[in-house]
Amino acid sequence: MKIDAGNIGKAFSPGIMSRAIRTFDRATTIVVLTCWGGAILIMAFALYTLNLSISAKREALEAVAKEPILPRIMNKVPDTAEIKSMVDNLQRKYPEINFVLGKDSSLLVTANSASNFRLWMTVLSYIDTISPQYRWTINEFCVGSRCDKATPMKALISPEKISFVVPEEKADK
């Protein structure tokens, strides 16, 4: 079947169109026009939504491209040997305070006399400031009547070694 431009032109000629419109009653014409109007509105909304989706994707890709590559923070338990030298230095500097290094690199800091309270608190603060490569977690902390009578001040702290890893840049950008 051939499509002939002349036949198409005749089908949409004003005379044929006016006869077709006259054969429809008004209600049918309103229903058909409403359906076509609704279809056109839905199509326009779909195209608008598609345009928003494409522009949002483009903006997201631009934002990802502009985002800097940041280093990742890695936390790991340090070796006991790493902490041992620091504990030895602390023991020499603060002989009134007791330091016990655990197998899991945890550090027990105790004081046997209540008169050493300020010194004990200073030592705990000092441990945190002299080792910026470590993040210390307090596992146990007691003072006074909450502790054993033999050790009125006790703190069990655990270090995590902080290091940074720079991720490699992706080639598919």
N, C-alpha and C. Protein backbone atom coordinates (compact mmCIF):
# COMPACT_ATOMS: atom_id res chain seq x y z
N MET A 1 0.84 -1.17 0.00
CA MET A 1 0.00 0.00 0.00
C MET A 1 0.89 1.24 0.00
N LYS A 2 0.67 2.06 -0.95
CA LYS A 2 1.44 3.30 -1.07
C LYS A 2 0.72 4.43 -0.37
N ILE A 3 1.51 5.26 0.29
CA ILE A 3 0.94 6.44 0.93
C ILE A 3 1.10 7.57 -0.07
N ASP A 4 0.01 8.11 -0.42
CA ASP A 4 0.02 9.18 -1.42
C ASP A 4 -0.30 10.49 -0.73
N ALA A 5 0.53 11.48 -0.96
CA ALA A 5 0.34 12.78 -0.33
C ALA A 5 -0.97 13.41 -0.75
N GLY A 6 -1.40 13.14 -1.96
CA GLY A 6 -2.66 13.69 -2.43
C GLY A 6 -3.85 13.13 -1.68
N ASN A 7 -3.82 11.82 -1.41
CA ASN A 7 -4.91 11.20 -0.64
C ASN A 7 -4.94 11.73 0.79
N ILE A 8 -3.77 11.94 1.38
CA ILE A 8 -3.72 12.47 2.74
C ILE A 8 -4.25 13.88 2.76
N GLY A 9 -3.89 14.65 1.76
CA GLY A 9 -4.38 16.03 1.67
C GLY A 9 -5.89 16.07 1.51
N LYS A 10 -6.44 15.15 0.70
CA LYS A 10 -7.90 15.09 0.53
C LYS A 10 -8.58 14.72 1.84
N ALA A 11 -7.96 13.81 2.63
CA ALA A 11 -8.57 13.36 3.87
C ALA A 11 -8.68 14.50 4.89
N PHE A 12 -7.74 15.41 4.81
CA PHE A 12 -7.76 16.54 5.75
C PHE A 12 -8.24 17.83 5.11
N SER A 13 -8.91 17.72 4.01
CA SER A 13 -9.44 18.93 3.34
C SER A 13 -10.55 19.51 4.19
N PRO A 14 -10.77 20.82 4.09
CA PRO A 14 -11.77 21.48 4.93
C PRO A 14 -13.19 20.91 4.74
N GLY A 15 -13.51 20.50 3.55
CA GLY A 15 -14.86 19.99 3.32
C GLY A 15 -15.08 18.67 4.05
N ILE A 16 -14.12 17.77 3.93
CA ILE A 16 -14.24 16.47 4.59
C ILE A 16 -14.20 16.65 6.10
N MET A 17 -13.37 17.51 6.58
CA MET A 17 -13.28 17.76 8.02
C MET A 17 -14.59 18.34 8.56
N SER A 18 -15.17 19.27 7.83
CA SER A 18 -16.44 19.86 8.31
C SER A 18 -17.55 18.83 8.30
N ARG A 19 -17.59 17.92 7.29
CA ARG A 19 -18.59 16.86 7.26
C ARG A 19 -18.38 15.90 8.44
N ALA A 20 -17.09 15.59 8.77
CA ALA A 20 -16.80 14.68 9.88
C ALA A 20 -17.22 15.29 11.21
N ILE A 21 -16.98 16.57 11.35
CA ILE A 21 -17.36 17.25 12.58
C ILE A 21 -18.87 17.31 12.71
N ARG A 22 -19.58 17.51 11.59
CA ARG A 22 -21.05 17.57 11.65
C ARG A 22 -21.65 16.22 12.03
N THR A 23 -20.98 15.14 11.63
CA THR A 23 -21.53 13.82 11.95
C THR A 23 -21.39 13.51 13.44
N PHE A 24 -20.37 14.04 14.07
CA PHE A 24 -20.25 13.88 15.52
C PHE A 24 -21.24 14.82 16.19
N ASP A 25 -21.82 14.39 17.25
CA ASP A 25 -22.64 15.30 18.02
C ASP A 25 -21.74 16.10 18.95
N ARG A 26 -22.28 17.07 19.60
CA ARG A 26 -21.49 17.95 20.46
C ARG A 26 -20.83 17.19 21.61
N ALA A 27 -21.51 16.29 22.26
CA ALA A 27 -20.96 15.57 23.39
C ALA A 27 -19.75 14.74 22.97
N THR A 28 -19.85 14.08 21.84
CA THR A 28 -18.74 13.27 21.35
C THR A 28 -17.55 14.18 21.03
N THR A 29 -17.81 15.30 20.44
CA THR A 29 -16.74 16.25 20.11
C THR A 29 -16.05 16.73 21.40
N ILE A 30 -16.83 17.02 22.43
CA ILE A 30 -16.24 17.49 23.70
C ILE A 30 -15.39 16.38 24.33
N VAL A 31 -15.87 15.14 24.30
CA VAL A 31 -15.11 14.03 24.87
C VAL A 31 -13.81 13.84 24.11
N VAL A 32 -13.88 13.86 22.77
CA VAL A 32 -12.66 13.67 21.97
C VAL A 32 -11.68 14.81 22.21
N LEU A 33 -12.16 16.05 22.24
CA LEU A 33 -11.28 17.19 22.48
C LEU A 33 -10.67 17.13 23.88
N THR A 34 -11.45 16.71 24.88
CA THR A 34 -10.93 16.59 26.24
C THR A 34 -9.84 15.52 26.31
N CYS A 35 -10.08 14.39 25.66
CA CYS A 35 -9.06 13.33 25.65
C CYS A 35 -7.78 13.81 24.99
N TRP A 36 -7.92 14.47 23.82
CA TRP A 36 -6.73 14.98 23.14
C TRP A 36 -6.03 16.05 23.98
N GLY A 37 -6.81 16.92 24.60
CA GLY A 37 -6.22 17.95 25.46
C GLY A 37 -5.48 17.33 26.64
N GLY A 38 -6.11 16.32 27.27
CA GLY A 38 -5.45 15.62 28.38
C GLY A 38 -4.17 14.93 27.92
N ALA A 39 -4.23 14.28 26.76
CA ALA A 39 -3.04 13.60 26.23
C ALA A 39 -1.92 14.60 25.96
N ILE A 40 -2.28 15.75 25.43
CA ILE A 40 -1.25 16.77 25.14
C ILE A 40 -0.65 17.28 26.46
N LEU A 41 -1.49 17.50 27.48
CA LEU A 41 -0.97 17.96 28.77
C LEU A 41 -0.06 16.91 29.41
N ILE A 42 -0.47 15.65 29.36
CA ILE A 42 0.37 14.58 29.93
C ILE A 42 1.69 14.48 29.19
N MET A 43 1.65 14.62 27.87
CA MET A 43 2.88 14.57 27.07
C MET A 43 3.79 15.75 27.41
N ALA A 44 3.19 16.93 27.59
CA ALA A 44 3.99 18.10 27.96
C ALA A 44 4.62 17.90 29.34
N PHE A 45 3.85 17.36 30.29
CA PHE A 45 4.39 17.10 31.63
C PHE A 45 5.51 16.06 31.58
N ALA A 46 5.34 15.02 30.77
CA ALA A 46 6.37 13.99 30.64
C ALA A 46 7.65 14.58 30.05
N LEU A 47 7.51 15.44 29.05
CA LEU A 47 8.70 16.08 28.46
C LEU A 47 9.37 17.02 29.47
N TYR A 48 8.57 17.74 30.26
CA TYR A 48 9.11 18.62 31.29
C TYR A 48 9.87 17.82 32.34
N THR A 49 9.29 16.69 32.78
CA THR A 49 9.94 15.83 33.77
C THR A 49 11.23 15.24 33.21
N LEU A 50 11.19 14.82 31.95
CA LEU A 50 12.40 14.29 31.31
C LEU A 50 13.49 15.36 31.25
N ASN A 51 13.11 16.58 30.94
CA ASN A 51 14.08 17.69 30.88
C ASN A 51 14.68 17.93 32.26
N LEU A 52 13.85 17.91 33.32
CA LEU A 52 14.36 18.08 34.68
C LEU A 52 15.31 16.96 35.07
N SER A 53 14.97 15.75 34.68
CA SER A 53 15.82 14.59 34.99
C SER A 53 17.18 14.71 34.31
N ILE A 54 17.18 15.09 33.06
CA ILE A 54 18.44 15.23 32.32
C ILE A 54 19.30 16.34 32.92
N SER A 55 18.68 17.47 33.27
CA SER A 55 19.47 18.57 33.84
C SER A 55 19.97 18.21 35.24
N ALA A 56 19.19 17.46 36.02
CA ALA A 56 19.65 17.04 37.35
C ALA A 56 20.82 16.08 37.23
N LYS A 57 20.76 15.18 36.27
CA LYS A 57 21.88 14.24 36.07
C LYS A 57 23.12 15.00 35.65
N ARG A 58 22.98 15.97 34.77
CA ARG A 58 24.12 16.77 34.32
C ARG A 58 24.74 17.53 35.49
N GLU A 59 23.89 18.13 36.34
CA GLU A 59 24.38 18.87 37.50
C GLU A 59 25.07 17.94 38.51
N ALA A 60 24.53 16.74 38.69
CA ALA A 60 25.16 15.78 39.60
C ALA A 60 26.52 15.35 39.09
N LEU A 61 26.63 15.12 37.79
CA LEU A 61 27.93 14.74 37.22
C LEU A 61 28.94 15.88 37.33
N GLU A 62 28.48 17.10 37.15
CA GLU A 62 29.37 18.25 37.32
C GLU A 62 29.83 18.39 38.77
N ALA A 63 28.92 18.16 39.71
CA ALA A 63 29.27 18.25 41.13
C ALA A 63 30.28 17.17 41.51
N VAL A 64 30.10 15.97 40.99
CA VAL A 64 31.05 14.89 41.28
C VAL A 64 32.41 15.21 40.68
N ALA A 65 32.42 15.80 39.50
CA ALA A 65 33.69 16.15 38.86
C ALA A 65 34.43 17.24 39.64
N LYS A 66 33.69 18.14 40.28
CA LYS A 66 34.31 19.24 41.03
C LYS A 66 34.70 18.83 42.45
N GLU A 67 34.17 17.70 42.93
CA GLU A 67 34.45 17.26 44.31
C GLU A 67 35.90 16.83 44.46
N PRO A 68 36.59 17.34 45.46
CA PRO A 68 37.99 16.96 45.64
C PRO A 68 38.11 15.52 46.17
N ILE A 69 39.23 14.92 45.90
CA ILE A 69 39.50 13.58 46.41
C ILE A 69 40.08 13.74 47.81
N LEU A 70 39.34 13.30 48.81
CA LEU A 70 39.76 13.46 50.19
C LEU A 70 40.40 12.18 50.71
N PRO A 71 41.37 12.32 51.59
CA PRO A 71 41.97 11.11 52.17
C PRO A 71 40.99 10.42 53.12
N ARG A 72 41.11 9.11 53.21
CA ARG A 72 40.31 8.32 54.13
C ARG A 72 41.07 8.13 55.43
N ILE A 73 40.37 8.20 56.55
CA ILE A 73 40.99 8.00 57.86
C ILE A 73 40.95 6.51 58.18
N MET A 74 42.11 5.97 58.52
CA MET A 74 42.21 4.55 58.88
C MET A 74 42.58 4.46 60.36
N ASN A 75 41.84 3.66 61.12
CA ASN A 75 42.13 3.43 62.54
C ASN A 75 42.56 1.99 62.71
N LYS A 76 43.68 1.78 63.39
CA LYS A 76 44.12 0.42 63.68
C LYS A 76 44.78 0.39 65.05
N VAL A 77 44.81 -0.79 65.66
CA VAL A 77 45.43 -0.95 66.97
C VAL A 77 46.94 -0.96 66.79
N PRO A 78 47.66 -0.10 67.51
CA PRO A 78 49.12 -0.08 67.36
C PRO A 78 49.77 -1.28 68.04
N ASP A 79 50.99 -1.57 67.64
CA ASP A 79 51.75 -2.64 68.29
C ASP A 79 52.11 -2.21 69.71
N THR A 80 52.27 -3.18 70.57
CA THR A 80 52.64 -2.90 71.96
C THR A 80 54.01 -2.23 72.03
N ALA A 81 54.90 -2.60 71.10
CA ALA A 81 56.25 -2.01 71.08
C ALA A 81 56.19 -0.50 70.82
N GLU A 82 55.23 -0.07 70.01
CA GLU A 82 55.09 1.36 69.73
C GLU A 82 54.74 2.14 70.99
N ILE A 83 53.85 1.57 71.79
CA ILE A 83 53.38 2.25 73.00
C ILE A 83 54.39 2.11 74.14
N LYS A 84 55.19 1.05 74.13
CA LYS A 84 56.13 0.75 75.23
C LYS A 84 57.10 1.91 75.48
N SER A 85 57.65 2.47 74.41
CA SER A 85 58.61 3.57 74.60
C SER A 85 57.93 4.79 75.22
N MET A 86 56.70 5.06 74.84
CA MET A 86 55.97 6.19 75.41
C MET A 86 55.69 5.92 76.90
N VAL A 87 55.33 4.71 77.24
CA VAL A 87 55.05 4.36 78.64
C VAL A 87 56.32 4.48 79.48
N ASP A 88 57.46 4.04 78.95
CA ASP A 88 58.73 4.18 79.68
C ASP A 88 59.05 5.64 79.96
N ASN A 89 58.84 6.50 78.96
CA ASN A 89 59.08 7.94 79.15
C ASN A 89 58.13 8.53 80.19
N LEU A 90 56.87 8.10 80.17
CA LEU A 90 55.90 8.60 81.15
C LEU A 90 56.27 8.14 82.56
N GLN A 91 56.73 6.91 82.70
CA GLN A 91 57.10 6.38 84.02
C GLN A 91 58.29 7.15 84.60
N ARG A 92 59.26 7.51 83.72
CA ARG A 92 60.40 8.31 84.20
C ARG A 92 59.96 9.72 84.58
N LYS A 93 59.05 10.30 83.81
CA LYS A 93 58.64 11.68 84.05
C LYS A 93 57.69 11.78 85.25
N TYR A 94 56.84 10.79 85.45
CA TYR A 94 55.85 10.79 86.53
C TYR A 94 56.01 9.53 87.37
N PRO A 95 56.97 9.48 88.28
CA PRO A 95 57.18 8.26 89.07
C PRO A 95 56.07 8.00 90.10
N GLU A 96 55.28 9.02 90.44
CA GLU A 96 54.21 8.83 91.43
C GLU A 96 53.00 8.10 90.84
N ILE A 97 52.93 8.05 89.52
CA ILE A 97 51.80 7.44 88.82
C ILE A 97 52.25 6.09 88.27
N ASN A 98 51.37 5.09 88.34
CA ASN A 98 51.69 3.75 87.85
C ASN A 98 51.10 3.53 86.45
N PHE A 99 51.91 2.97 85.59
CA PHE A 99 51.50 2.68 84.21
C PHE A 99 51.69 1.19 83.96
N VAL A 100 50.64 0.53 83.45
CA VAL A 100 50.73 -0.89 83.11
C VAL A 100 50.23 -1.04 81.69
N LEU A 101 51.10 -1.57 80.83
CA LEU A 101 50.76 -1.75 79.42
C LEU A 101 50.20 -3.16 79.23
N GLY A 102 49.00 -3.26 78.68
CA GLY A 102 48.36 -4.55 78.45
C GLY A 102 48.81 -5.18 77.14
N LYS A 103 48.46 -6.46 76.98
CA LYS A 103 48.83 -7.18 75.75
C LYS A 103 48.10 -6.63 74.53
N ASP A 104 46.93 -6.07 74.75
CA ASP A 104 46.16 -5.50 73.64
C ASP A 104 46.47 -4.02 73.43
N SER A 105 47.61 -3.56 73.89
CA SER A 105 48.09 -2.17 73.80
C SER A 105 47.28 -1.21 74.67
N SER A 106 46.40 -1.73 75.53
CA SER A 106 45.69 -0.84 76.44
C SER A 106 46.64 -0.39 77.54
N LEU A 107 46.35 0.75 78.11
CA LEU A 107 47.21 1.34 79.12
C LEU A 107 46.40 1.59 80.39
N LEU A 108 46.86 1.03 81.50
CA LEU A 108 46.22 1.24 82.80
C LEU A 108 47.02 2.29 83.54
N VAL A 109 46.38 3.40 83.87
CA VAL A 109 47.02 4.51 84.57
C VAL A 109 46.36 4.60 85.95
N THR A 110 47.16 4.38 87.00
CA THR A 110 46.62 4.39 88.37
C THR A 110 47.46 5.29 89.26
N ALA A 111 46.83 5.72 90.35
CA ALA A 111 47.53 6.47 91.40
C ALA A 111 47.06 5.91 92.72
N ASN A 112 47.99 5.70 93.64
CA ASN A 112 47.66 5.07 94.91
C ASN A 112 47.32 6.06 96.01
N SER A 113 47.57 7.33 95.78
CA SER A 113 47.33 8.33 96.81
C SER A 113 46.37 9.40 96.27
N ALA A 114 45.41 9.77 97.09
CA ALA A 114 44.46 10.81 96.68
C ALA A 114 45.14 12.17 96.49
N SER A 115 46.29 12.35 97.11
CA SER A 115 47.00 13.62 96.95
C SER A 115 47.56 13.79 95.54
N ASN A 116 47.61 12.71 94.78
CA ASN A 116 48.13 12.77 93.40
C ASN A 116 47.02 12.93 92.36
N PHE A 117 45.82 13.33 92.80
CA PHE A 117 44.70 13.44 91.88
C PHE A 117 44.98 14.39 90.73
N ARG A 118 45.45 15.60 91.03
CA ARG A 118 45.72 16.58 89.96
C ARG A 118 46.82 16.08 89.03
N LEU A 119 47.83 15.47 89.57
CA LEU A 119 48.90 14.92 88.76
C LEU A 119 48.38 13.80 87.86
N TRP A 120 47.51 12.96 88.42
CA TRP A 120 46.92 11.85 87.64
C TRP A 120 46.07 12.38 86.49
N MET A 121 45.28 13.41 86.75
CA MET A 121 44.47 14.03 85.68
C MET A 121 45.38 14.71 84.64
N THR A 122 46.46 15.33 85.10
CA THR A 122 47.41 15.96 84.19
C THR A 122 48.06 14.91 83.29
N VAL A 123 48.40 13.77 83.85
CA VAL A 123 49.02 12.69 83.08
C VAL A 123 48.07 12.20 82.00
N LEU A 124 46.80 12.03 82.34
CA LEU A 124 45.82 11.58 81.34
C LEU A 124 45.69 12.59 80.20
N SER A 125 45.68 13.85 80.55
CA SER A 125 45.63 14.90 79.52
C SER A 125 46.91 14.92 78.70
N TYR A 126 48.02 14.74 79.36
CA TYR A 126 49.32 14.75 78.70
C TYR A 126 49.44 13.58 77.71
N ILE A 127 48.96 12.42 78.09
CA ILE A 127 49.00 11.25 77.20
C ILE A 127 48.28 11.56 75.90
N ASP A 128 47.16 12.23 76.00
CA ASP A 128 46.38 12.56 74.81
C ASP A 128 47.09 13.58 73.93
N THR A 129 47.78 14.54 74.55
CA THR A 129 48.40 15.60 73.75
C THR A 129 49.78 15.23 73.19
N ILE A 130 50.50 14.33 73.85
CA ILE A 130 51.85 14.00 73.34
C ILE A 130 51.80 13.00 72.20
N SER A 131 50.66 12.42 71.97
CA SER A 131 50.56 11.40 70.93
C SER A 131 49.41 11.72 69.97
N PRO A 132 49.60 12.71 69.10
CA PRO A 132 48.50 13.08 68.21
C PRO A 132 48.18 12.02 67.15
N GLN A 133 49.09 11.08 66.95
CA GLN A 133 48.82 10.02 65.97
C GLN A 133 47.90 8.95 66.53
N TYR A 134 47.58 9.04 67.82
CA TYR A 134 46.69 8.07 68.46
C TYR A 134 45.41 8.75 68.91
N ARG A 135 44.36 8.00 68.85
CA ARG A 135 43.09 8.43 69.44
C ARG A 135 42.84 7.50 70.62
N TRP A 136 42.70 8.07 71.79
CA TRP A 136 42.57 7.26 73.01
C TRP A 136 41.10 7.13 73.38
N THR A 137 40.71 5.91 73.73
CA THR A 137 39.35 5.62 74.18
C THR A 137 39.41 5.21 75.65
N ILE A 138 38.56 5.81 76.46
CA ILE A 138 38.51 5.47 77.88
C ILE A 138 37.61 4.25 78.03
N ASN A 139 38.19 3.14 78.44
CA ASN A 139 37.42 1.91 78.66
C ASN A 139 36.89 1.81 80.09
N GLU A 140 37.69 2.30 81.02
CA GLU A 140 37.30 2.25 82.43
C GLU A 140 37.86 3.50 83.10
N PHE A 141 37.07 4.12 83.95
CA PHE A 141 37.50 5.34 84.62
C PHE A 141 36.80 5.39 85.97
N CYS A 142 37.58 5.38 87.04
CA CYS A 142 36.96 5.47 88.36
C CYS A 142 37.87 6.28 89.29
N VAL A 143 37.20 6.99 90.19
CA VAL A 143 37.89 7.84 91.16
C VAL A 143 37.18 7.70 92.50
N GLY A 144 37.97 7.63 93.55
CA GLY A 144 37.43 7.64 94.90
C GLY A 144 36.77 6.33 95.30
N SER A 145 35.58 6.44 95.88
CA SER A 145 34.90 5.27 96.44
C SER A 145 34.43 4.29 95.36
N ARG A 146 34.41 4.67 94.14
CA ARG A 146 34.00 3.78 93.05
C ARG A 146 35.10 2.78 92.71
N CYS A 147 36.32 3.06 93.12
CA CYS A 147 37.47 2.18 92.83
C CYS A 147 37.78 1.30 94.03
N ASP A 148 38.76 0.43 93.82
CA ASP A 148 39.28 -0.36 94.93
C ASP A 148 39.93 0.59 95.94
N LYS A 149 39.96 0.18 97.20
CA LYS A 149 40.57 1.03 98.21
C LYS A 149 42.07 1.15 98.01
N ALA A 150 42.68 0.14 97.40
CA ALA A 150 44.13 0.18 97.18
C ALA A 150 44.49 1.17 96.06
N THR A 151 43.63 1.33 95.09
CA THR A 151 43.88 2.27 93.99
C THR A 151 42.70 3.22 93.87
N PRO A 152 42.79 4.39 94.50
CA PRO A 152 41.65 5.30 94.48
C PRO A 152 41.43 6.01 93.14
N MET A 153 42.38 5.88 92.21
CA MET A 153 42.23 6.50 90.88
C MET A 153 42.72 5.51 89.84
N LYS A 154 41.85 5.20 88.89
CA LYS A 154 42.23 4.23 87.87
C LYS A 154 41.57 4.60 86.55
N ALA A 155 42.36 4.55 85.47
CA ALA A 155 41.84 4.78 84.12
C ALA A 155 42.45 3.74 83.18
N LEU A 156 41.60 3.05 82.45
CA LEU A 156 42.05 2.09 81.44
C LEU A 156 41.73 2.70 80.09
N ILE A 157 42.78 2.99 79.32
CA ILE A 157 42.59 3.64 78.03
C ILE A 157 43.19 2.78 76.92
N SER A 158 42.60 2.85 75.75
CA SER A 158 43.07 2.06 74.59
C SER A 158 43.35 2.99 73.43
N PRO A 159 44.51 2.80 72.78
CA PRO A 159 44.83 3.66 71.64
C PRO A 159 44.37 3.06 70.32
N GLU A 160 44.09 3.92 69.38
CA GLU A 160 43.90 3.54 67.98
C GLU A 160 44.83 4.44 67.18
N LYS A 161 45.62 3.84 66.32
CA LYS A 161 46.54 4.63 65.51
C LYS A 161 45.77 5.21 64.33
N ILE A 162 45.92 6.49 64.13
CA ILE A 162 45.23 7.19 63.06
C ILE A 162 46.20 7.38 61.91
N SER A 163 45.79 6.96 60.74
CA SER A 163 46.58 7.20 59.54
C SER A 163 45.64 7.58 58.41
N PHE A 164 46.20 8.19 57.39
CA PHE A 164 45.40 8.66 56.27
C PHE A 164 45.83 7.92 55.01
N VAL A 165 44.84 7.53 54.21
CA VAL A 165 45.10 6.87 52.94
C VAL A 165 44.45 7.72 51.85
N VAL A 166 45.26 8.14 50.91
CA VAL A 166 44.74 8.94 49.80
C VAL A 166 44.23 7.98 48.72
N PRO A 167 42.94 8.02 48.41
CA PRO A 167 42.42 7.12 47.38
C PRO A 167 42.93 7.52 46.00
N GLU A 168 43.00 6.52 45.14
CA GLU A 168 43.46 6.79 43.78
C GLU A 168 42.34 7.42 42.99
N GLU A 169 42.70 8.29 42.05
CA GLU A 169 41.72 8.95 41.24
C GLU A 169 41.16 7.98 40.22
N LYS A 170 39.84 8.02 40.05
CA LYS A 170 39.22 7.10 39.09
C LYS A 170 39.46 7.58 37.68
N ALA A 171 39.72 6.62 36.79
CA ALA A 171 40.01 6.97 35.40
C ALA A 171 38.76 7.20 34.57
N ASP A 172 37.58 6.77 35.05
CA ASP A 172 36.36 6.85 34.24
C ASP A 172 35.61 8.17 34.41
N LYS A 173 36.23 9.19 34.97
CA LYS A 173 35.56 10.49 35.14
C LYS A 173 35.45 11.21 33.84
